[in-house]
């Protein structure tokens, strides 16, 4: 059987870790957590790198050469399915031809919900941090290659995970597995070294949490970024099928 490779292209705080945990429940699937993170840090200015928790540990423990990471992603695996959880903005200066051989999934989230959550870890975020513009650039790049990505809004994933996961599995040519809806609380061996800073909510979960609309006032200091992100989010939502 040909290996099914699913590349998730997500922004931060988009429920991407929960989706990775979901696929990790499948007996036929291997998951990898942000394999291009070190490449992104190695390709970025020091001021940006310094904003990331445990950045130096990431650089010291992961492959820094993105081309080598892509070769690994397209190499041999012992499982029938491989799920790569990636951040879209980690795709810096890489040959994207490999995307023709994978199932590409863009995971997005309403910036009204996402930005306040992200700002709790990285203060005063920029567009380069949050990935909305990178999502649109990725979408354009995929369409030019004749690739129609699966686009998932994290809200819809939380509202009805069974429907969203079944659709994704159908596109990937694999069968939905009921075990994808539940997992044990706590960390996983596949977690990146940054998990302590980003995954506390997922570690407390045993499945996809119910969606709750935020009730806190939106931070005024994030409004300019929200205005920049909203058109990108709207493009993705209008593209959903």
C-alpha atoms as a PDB file:
ATOM      1  CA  UNK A   1       0.000   0.000   0.000  1.00  0.00           C
ATOM      2  CA  UNK A   2       1.271   3.451  -0.902  1.00  0.00           C
ATOM      3  CA  UNK A   3       1.905   5.610   2.154  1.00  0.00           C
ATOM      4  CA  UNK A   4      -0.776   8.254   2.677  1.00  0.00           C
ATOM      5  CA  UNK A   5       0.903  11.485   3.770  1.00  0.00           C
ATOM      6  CA  UNK A   6      -1.305  14.145   5.330  1.00  0.00           C
ATOM      7  CA  UNK A   7       0.280  17.562   5.722  1.00  0.00           C
ATOM      8  CA  UNK A   8      -1.596  19.818   8.084  1.00  0.00           C
ATOM      9  CA  UNK A   9      -0.813  23.493   7.479  1.00  0.00           C
ATOM     10  CA  UNK A  10      -2.048  25.380  10.490  1.00  0.00           C
ATOM     11  CA  UNK A  11      -1.692  28.670  12.247  1.00  0.00           C
ATOM     12  CA  UNK A  12      -0.852  28.649  15.971  1.00  0.00           C
ATOM     13  CA  UNK A  13      -3.644  28.147  18.518  1.00  0.00           C
ATOM     14  CA  UNK A  14      -5.862  26.547  15.865  1.00  0.00           C
ATOM     15  CA  UNK A  15      -6.626  23.219  17.604  1.00  0.00           C
ATOM     16  CA  UNK A  16      -3.846  21.638  15.533  1.00  0.00           C
ATOM     17  CA  UNK A  17      -2.431  19.664  18.463  1.00  0.00           C
ATOM     18  CA  UNK A  18      -5.838  18.138  19.170  1.00  0.00           C
ATOM     19  CA  UNK A  19      -6.079  17.130  15.515  1.00  0.00           C
ATOM     20  CA  UNK A  20      -2.619  15.548  15.742  1.00  0.00           C
ATOM     21  CA  UNK A  21      -3.695  13.659  18.874  1.00  0.00           C
ATOM     22  CA  UNK A  22      -6.808  12.512  17.033  1.00  0.00           C
ATOM     23  CA  UNK A  23      -4.793  10.938  14.218  1.00  0.00           C
ATOM     24  CA  UNK A  24      -2.369   9.451  16.740  1.00  0.00           C
ATOM     25  CA  UNK A  25      -5.201   7.185  17.959  1.00  0.00           C
ATOM     26  CA  UNK A  26      -5.234   5.325  14.657  1.00  0.00           C
ATOM     27  CA  UNK A  27      -3.312   2.052  14.635  1.00  0.00           C
ATOM     28  CA  UNK A  28      -2.258   2.650  11.023  1.00  0.00           C
ATOM     29  CA  UNK A  29      -0.914   6.182  11.556  1.00  0.00           C
ATOM     30  CA  UNK A  30       2.328   7.801  12.683  1.00  0.00           C
ATOM     31  CA  UNK A  31       2.298  11.489  13.673  1.00  0.00           C
ATOM     32  CA  UNK A  32       5.128  14.056  13.605  1.00  0.00           C
ATOM     33  CA  UNK A  33       4.963  17.363  15.437  1.00  0.00           C
ATOM     34  CA  UNK A  34       6.112  20.467  13.485  1.00  0.00           C
ATOM     35  CA  UNK A  35       9.149  18.939  11.775  1.00  0.00           C
ATOM     36  CA  UNK A  36       9.934  22.265  10.029  1.00  0.00           C
ATOM     37  CA  UNK A  37      10.075  24.344  13.226  1.00  0.00           C
ATOM     38  CA  UNK A  38      13.876  24.404  13.469  1.00  0.00           C
ATOM     39  CA  UNK A  39      14.144  25.291   9.773  1.00  0.00           C
ATOM     40  CA  UNK A  40      11.825  28.242  10.389  1.00  0.00           C
ATOM     41  CA  UNK A  41      13.866  29.454  13.351  1.00  0.00           C
ATOM     42  CA  UNK A  42      17.164  28.963  11.531  1.00  0.00           C
ATOM     43  CA  UNK A  43      15.801  30.990   8.607  1.00  0.00           C
ATOM     44  CA  UNK A  44      14.461  33.872  10.730  1.00  0.00           C
ATOM     45  CA  UNK A  45      15.965  36.984  12.246  1.00  0.00           C
ATOM     46  CA  UNK A  46      17.301  36.712  15.790  1.00  0.00           C
ATOM     47  CA  UNK A  47      14.713  39.154  17.134  1.00  0.00           C
ATOM     48  CA  UNK A  48      11.922  36.831  16.010  1.00  0.00           C
ATOM     49  CA  UNK A  49      13.701  33.710  17.244  1.00  0.00           C
ATOM     50  CA  UNK A  50      14.168  35.202  20.707  1.00  0.00           C
ATOM     51  CA  UNK A  51      10.397  35.553  21.046  1.00  0.00           C
ATOM     52  CA  UNK A  52       9.872  31.800  20.866  1.00  0.00           C
ATOM     53  CA  UNK A  53      10.009  29.682  24.039  1.00  0.00           C
ATOM     54  CA  UNK A  54      12.865  27.123  24.045  1.00  0.00           C
ATOM     55  CA  UNK A  55      13.958  28.289  20.576  1.00  0.00           C
ATOM     56  CA  UNK A  56      17.566  27.257  21.144  1.00  0.00           C
ATOM     57  CA  UNK A  57      16.508  23.790  22.275  1.00  0.00           C
ATOM     58  CA  UNK A  58      14.476  23.416  19.096  1.00  0.00           C
ATOM     59  CA  UNK A  59      17.483  24.455  17.007  1.00  0.00           C
ATOM     60  CA  UNK A  60      19.808  22.123  18.909  1.00  0.00           C
ATOM     61  CA  UNK A  61      17.593  19.038  18.782  1.00  0.00           C
ATOM     62  CA  UNK A  62      15.864  19.206  15.378  1.00  0.00           C
ATOM     63  CA  UNK A  63      17.076  19.259  11.778  1.00  0.00           C
ATOM     64  CA  UNK A  64      17.687  22.883  10.744  1.00  0.00           C
ATOM     65  CA  UNK A  65      17.820  22.213   6.988  1.00  0.00           C
ATOM     66  CA  UNK A  66      14.273  22.336   5.641  1.00  0.00           C
ATOM     67  CA  UNK A  67      15.175  20.528   2.424  1.00  0.00           C
ATOM     68  CA  UNK A  68      16.417  17.570   4.461  1.00  0.00           C
ATOM     69  CA  UNK A  69      13.221  17.639   6.518  1.00  0.00           C
ATOM     70  CA  UNK A  70      11.130  17.491   3.361  1.00  0.00           C
ATOM     71  CA  UNK A  71      13.226  14.548   2.124  1.00  0.00           C
ATOM     72  CA  UNK A  72      12.471  12.809   5.422  1.00  0.00           C
ATOM     73  CA  UNK A  73       8.759  13.563   5.111  1.00  0.00           C
ATOM     74  CA  UNK A  74       8.682  12.016   1.645  1.00  0.00           C
ATOM     75  CA  UNK A  75      10.812   9.036   2.638  1.00  0.00           C
ATOM     76  CA  UNK A  76       9.957   5.573   3.909  1.00  0.00           C
ATOM     77  CA  UNK A  77       7.734   5.066   6.975  1.00  0.00           C
ATOM     78  CA  UNK A  78       6.647   1.904   8.793  1.00  0.00           C
ATOM     79  CA  UNK A  79       2.993   3.030   8.898  1.00  0.00           C
ATOM     80  CA  UNK A  80       0.330   3.183   6.195  1.00  0.00           C
ATOM     81  CA  UNK A  81      -0.539   6.789   7.099  1.00  0.00           C
ATOM     82  CA  UNK A  82       1.734   9.633   8.246  1.00  0.00           C
ATOM     83  CA  UNK A  83       0.278  12.836   9.679  1.00  0.00           C
ATOM     84  CA  UNK A  84       2.570  15.864   9.711  1.00  0.00           C
ATOM     85  CA  UNK A  85       1.413  18.711  11.907  1.00  0.00           C
ATOM     86  CA  UNK A  86       2.981  21.858  10.435  1.00  0.00           C
ATOM     87  CA  UNK A  87       2.693  25.591  10.947  1.00  0.00           C
ATOM     88  CA  UNK A  88       2.134  27.311   7.601  1.00  0.00           C
ATOM     89  CA  UNK A  89       4.589  30.113   8.349  1.00  0.00           C
ATOM     90  CA  UNK A  90       7.362  27.528   8.816  1.00  0.00           C
ATOM     91  CA  UNK A  91       7.425  27.117   5.013  1.00  0.00           C
ATOM     92  CA  UNK A  92      10.271  29.530   4.355  1.00  0.00           C
ATOM     93  CA  UNK A  93      12.146  29.394   1.013  1.00  0.00           C
ATOM     94  CA  UNK A  94      11.387  25.735   0.377  1.00  0.00           C
ATOM     95  CA  UNK A  95      10.705  23.904  -2.869  1.00  0.00           C
ATOM     96  CA  UNK A  96       6.997  23.076  -2.604  1.00  0.00           C
ATOM     97  CA  UNK A  97       6.838  20.453  -5.325  1.00  0.00           C
ATOM     98  CA  UNK A  98       6.519  17.769  -2.623  1.00  0.00           C
ATOM     99  CA  UNK A  99       2.999  19.047  -1.944  1.00  0.00           C
ATOM    100  CA  UNK A 100       1.849  17.312  -5.113  1.00  0.00           C
ATOM    101  CA  UNK A 101       2.413  13.982  -3.345  1.00  0.00           C
ATOM    102  CA  UNK A 102       0.587  14.690  -0.081  1.00  0.00           C
ATOM    103  CA  UNK A 103      -2.901  15.515   1.147  1.00  0.00           C
ATOM    104  CA  UNK A 104      -2.773  19.211   2.013  1.00  0.00           C
ATOM    105  CA  UNK A 105      -5.004  20.463   4.812  1.00  0.00           C
ATOM    106  CA  UNK A 106      -5.267  24.126   5.789  1.00  0.00           C
ATOM    107  CA  UNK A 107      -6.539  24.599   9.336  1.00  0.00           C
ATOM    108  CA  UNK A 108      -7.669  28.100  10.222  1.00  0.00           C
ATOM    109  CA  UNK A 109      -9.431  29.853  13.087  1.00  0.00           C
ATOM    110  CA  UNK A 110     -11.356  33.071  13.465  1.00  0.00           C
ATOM    111  CA  UNK A 111      -8.726  35.655  14.488  1.00  0.00           C
ATOM    112  CA  UNK A 112     -11.191  37.089  17.015  1.00  0.00           C
ATOM    113  CA  UNK A 113     -10.750  33.835  18.948  1.00  0.00           C
ATOM    114  CA  UNK A 114      -7.153  33.086  18.020  1.00  0.00           C
ATOM    115  CA  UNK A 115      -5.245  36.331  18.569  1.00  0.00           C
ATOM    116  CA  UNK A 116      -6.008  36.831  22.292  1.00  0.00           C
ATOM    117  CA  UNK A 117      -5.041  33.217  22.956  1.00  0.00           C
ATOM    118  CA  UNK A 118      -1.754  33.534  21.080  1.00  0.00           C
ATOM    119  CA  UNK A 119      -0.867  36.840  22.766  1.00  0.00           C
ATOM    120  CA  UNK A 120      -0.904  35.100  26.144  1.00  0.00           C
ATOM    121  CA  UNK A 121       2.285  33.267  25.128  1.00  0.00           C
ATOM    122  CA  UNK A 122       3.945  35.680  22.672  1.00  0.00           C
ATOM    123  CA  UNK A 123       3.388  39.331  23.518  1.00  0.00           C
ATOM    124  CA  UNK A 124       2.520  41.830  20.769  1.00  0.00           C
ATOM    125  CA  UNK A 125       2.263  39.280  17.930  1.00  0.00           C
ATOM    126  CA  UNK A 126       2.756  40.246  14.294  1.00  0.00           C
ATOM    127  CA  UNK A 127       1.373  38.864  11.040  1.00  0.00           C
ATOM    128  CA  UNK A 128       4.593  36.873  10.659  1.00  0.00           C
ATOM    129  CA  UNK A 129       3.814  35.138  13.972  1.00  0.00           C
ATOM    130  CA  UNK A 130       0.181  34.219  13.383  1.00  0.00           C
ATOM    131  CA  UNK A 131       0.284  32.853   9.847  1.00  0.00           C
ATOM    132  CA  UNK A 132      -2.878  34.245   8.220  1.00  0.00           C
ATOM    133  CA  UNK A 133      -1.038  35.883   5.319  1.00  0.00           C
ATOM    134  CA  UNK A 134       1.068  32.735   4.952  1.00  0.00           C
ATOM    135  CA  UNK A 135      -2.152  30.733   4.610  1.00  0.00           C
ATOM    136  CA  UNK A 136      -3.266  32.844   1.654  1.00  0.00           C
ATOM    137  CA  UNK A 137       0.147  32.584   0.032  1.00  0.00           C
ATOM    138  CA  UNK A 138       0.001  28.804   0.526  1.00  0.00           C
ATOM    139  CA  UNK A 139      -3.503  28.607  -0.925  1.00  0.00           C
ATOM    140  CA  UNK A 140      -2.405  30.537  -4.022  1.00  0.00           C
ATOM    141  CA  UNK A 141       0.665  28.325  -4.391  1.00  0.00           C
ATOM    142  CA  UNK A 142      -1.389  25.132  -4.163  1.00  0.00           C
ATOM    143  CA  UNK A 143      -4.016  26.319  -6.640  1.00  0.00           C
ATOM    144  CA  UNK A 144      -1.312  27.242  -9.166  1.00  0.00           C
ATOM    145  CA  UNK A 145      -0.124  23.632  -8.933  1.00  0.00           C
ATOM    146  CA  UNK A 146      -3.641  22.366  -9.503  1.00  0.00           C
ATOM    147  CA  UNK A 147      -3.976  21.210  -5.902  1.00  0.00           C
ATOM    148  CA  UNK A 148      -7.274  21.815  -4.099  1.00  0.00           C
ATOM    149  CA  UNK A 149      -6.528  21.706  -0.351  1.00  0.00           C
ATOM    150  CA  UNK A 150      -8.954  20.654   2.335  1.00  0.00           C
ATOM    151  CA  UNK A 151      -9.817  23.756   4.360  1.00  0.00           C
ATOM    152  CA  UNK A 152     -11.034  23.271   7.931  1.00  0.00           C
ATOM    153  CA  UNK A 153     -12.270  25.946  10.303  1.00  0.00           C
ATOM    154  CA  UNK A 154     -11.349  24.925  13.851  1.00  0.00           C
ATOM    155  CA  UNK A 155     -14.793  26.056  15.024  1.00  0.00           C
ATOM    156  CA  UNK A 156     -16.466  23.511  12.747  1.00  0.00           C
ATOM    157  CA  UNK A 157     -14.034  20.846  13.923  1.00  0.00           C
ATOM    158  CA  UNK A 158     -15.060  21.492  17.532  1.00  0.00           C
ATOM    159  CA  UNK A 159     -18.776  21.738  16.747  1.00  0.00           C
ATOM    160  CA  UNK A 160     -18.880  18.396  14.924  1.00  0.00           C
ATOM    161  CA  UNK A 161     -15.563  16.539  14.937  1.00  0.00           C
ATOM    162  CA  UNK A 162     -17.046  13.373  13.475  1.00  0.00           C
ATOM    163  CA  UNK A 163     -18.262  15.156  10.331  1.00  0.00           C
ATOM    164  CA  UNK A 164     -15.035  17.134   9.856  1.00  0.00           C
ATOM    165  CA  UNK A 165     -12.812  14.102  10.403  1.00  0.00           C
ATOM    166  CA  UNK A 166     -14.904  11.862   8.156  1.00  0.00           C
ATOM    167  CA  UNK A 167     -14.630  14.393   5.349  1.00  0.00           C
ATOM    168  CA  UNK A 168     -10.866  14.643   5.799  1.00  0.00           C
ATOM    169  CA  UNK A 169     -10.448  10.872   5.870  1.00  0.00           C
ATOM    170  CA  UNK A 170     -12.568  10.525   2.709  1.00  0.00           C
ATOM    171  CA  UNK A 171     -10.353  12.995   0.839  1.00  0.00           C
ATOM    172  CA  UNK A 172      -7.232  11.183   2.066  1.00  0.00           C
ATOM    173  CA  UNK A 173      -8.640   7.834   0.935  1.00  0.00           C
ATOM    174  CA  UNK A 174      -8.675   6.294   4.413  1.00  0.00           C
ATOM    175  CA  UNK A 175     -11.530   5.114   6.614  1.00  0.00           C
ATOM    176  CA  UNK A 176     -12.686   7.221   9.543  1.00  0.00           C
ATOM    177  CA  UNK A 177     -11.856   5.525  12.853  1.00  0.00           C
ATOM    178  CA  UNK A 178     -14.073   6.084  15.917  1.00  0.00           C
ATOM    179  CA  UNK A 179     -10.948   6.104  18.086  1.00  0.00           C
ATOM    180  CA  UNK A 180     -10.046   9.467  16.557  1.00  0.00           C
ATOM    181  CA  UNK A 181     -12.647  11.139  18.790  1.00  0.00           C
ATOM    182  CA  UNK A 182     -11.050  10.271  22.154  1.00  0.00           C
ATOM    183  CA  UNK A 183      -7.596  10.099  23.713  1.00  0.00           C
ATOM    184  CA  UNK A 184      -6.017   9.808  27.143  1.00  0.00           C
ATOM    185  CA  UNK A 185      -5.242  12.998  29.033  1.00  0.00           C
ATOM    186  CA  UNK A 186      -1.594  13.983  29.310  1.00  0.00           C
ATOM    187  CA  UNK A 187       1.354  14.498  26.957  1.00  0.00           C
ATOM    188  CA  UNK A 188       2.331  12.234  24.091  1.00  0.00           C
ATOM    189  CA  UNK A 189       5.775  10.962  23.159  1.00  0.00           C
ATOM    190  CA  UNK A 190       5.474  12.785  19.818  1.00  0.00           C
ATOM    191  CA  UNK A 191       5.061  16.215  21.450  1.00  0.00           C
ATOM    192  CA  UNK A 192       7.636  18.810  20.495  1.00  0.00           C
ATOM    193  CA  UNK A 193       9.980  20.177  23.177  1.00  0.00           C
ATOM    194  CA  UNK A 194       7.796  23.316  23.233  1.00  0.00           C
ATOM    195  CA  UNK A 195       4.767  21.415  24.539  1.00  0.00           C
ATOM    196  CA  UNK A 196       4.987  22.803  28.087  1.00  0.00           C
ATOM    197  CA  UNK A 197       4.360  26.312  26.730  1.00  0.00           C
ATOM    198  CA  UNK A 198       1.621  25.561  24.201  1.00  0.00           C
ATOM    199  CA  UNK A 199      -0.131  22.245  24.911  1.00  0.00           C
ATOM    200  CA  UNK A 200      -1.437  22.513  28.473  1.00  0.00           C
ATOM    201  CA  UNK A 201      -5.061  22.686  27.337  1.00  0.00           C
ATOM    202  CA  UNK A 202      -4.716  19.699  25.034  1.00  0.00           C
ATOM    203  CA  UNK A 203      -2.933  17.724  27.750  1.00  0.00           C
ATOM    204  CA  UNK A 204      -5.966  18.225  29.987  1.00  0.00           C
ATOM    205  CA  UNK A 205      -8.365  17.060  27.298  1.00  0.00           C
ATOM    206  CA  UNK A 206      -9.638  13.608  26.400  1.00  0.00           C
ATOM    207  CA  UNK A 207     -11.182  14.641  23.092  1.00  0.00           C
ATOM    208  CA  UNK A 208     -12.206  17.689  21.115  1.00  0.00           C
ATOM    209  CA  UNK A 209     -13.562  20.283  23.526  1.00  0.00           C
ATOM    210  CA  UNK A 210     -16.918  21.914  22.940  1.00  0.00           C
ATOM    211  CA  UNK A 211     -16.788  25.245  21.163  1.00  0.00           C
ATOM    212  CA  UNK A 212     -17.474  28.226  23.408  1.00  0.00           C
ATOM    213  CA  UNK A 213     -17.685  31.710  21.983  1.00  0.00           C
ATOM    214  CA  UNK A 214     -15.339  34.091  23.784  1.00  0.00           C
ATOM    215  CA  UNK A 215     -17.007  36.566  26.124  1.00  0.00           C
ATOM    216  CA  UNK A 216     -13.968  38.626  27.136  1.00  0.00           C
ATOM    217  CA  UNK A 217     -13.565  42.020  25.421  1.00  0.00           C
ATOM    218  CA  UNK A 218     -11.159  41.869  22.501  1.00  0.00           C
ATOM    219  CA  UNK A 219      -7.826  43.540  23.466  1.00  0.00           C
ATOM    220  CA  UNK A 220      -7.506  46.980  21.910  1.00  0.00           C
ATOM    221  CA  UNK A 221      -3.795  46.552  21.249  1.00  0.00           C
ATOM    222  CA  UNK A 222      -4.571  43.607  18.943  1.00  0.00           C
ATOM    223  CA  UNK A 223      -7.184  45.395  16.829  1.00  0.00           C
ATOM    224  CA  UNK A 224      -4.775  46.535  14.069  1.00  0.00           C
ATOM    225  CA  UNK A 225      -3.573  42.952  13.671  1.00  0.00           C
ATOM    226  CA  UNK A 226      -7.167  41.697  13.679  1.00  0.00           C
ATOM    227  CA  UNK A 227      -8.012  44.073  10.818  1.00  0.00           C
ATOM    228  CA  UNK A 228      -5.074  42.690   8.839  1.00  0.00           C
ATOM    229  CA  UNK A 229      -5.918  39.044   9.565  1.00  0.00           C
ATOM    230  CA  UNK A 230      -9.688  39.140   9.011  1.00  0.00           C
ATOM    231  CA  UNK A 231      -9.613  39.431   5.184  1.00  0.00           C
ATOM    232  CA  UNK A 232      -7.254  36.430   4.997  1.00  0.00           C
ATOM    233  CA  UNK A 233      -9.543  34.367   7.207  1.00  0.00           C
ATOM    234  CA  UNK A 234     -12.573  35.385   5.134  1.00  0.00           C
ATOM    235  CA  UNK A 235     -10.886  34.220   1.924  1.00  0.00           C
ATOM    236  CA  UNK A 236     -10.287  30.780   3.417  1.00  0.00           C
ATOM    237  CA  UNK A 237     -13.811  30.467   4.797  1.00  0.00           C
ATOM    238  CA  UNK A 238     -15.333  31.453   1.451  1.00  0.00           C
ATOM    239  CA  UNK A 239     -13.168  28.798  -0.201  1.00  0.00           C
ATOM    240  CA  UNK A 240     -14.362  25.961   2.034  1.00  0.00           C
ATOM    241  CA  UNK A 241     -16.269  23.212   0.271  1.00  0.00           C
END
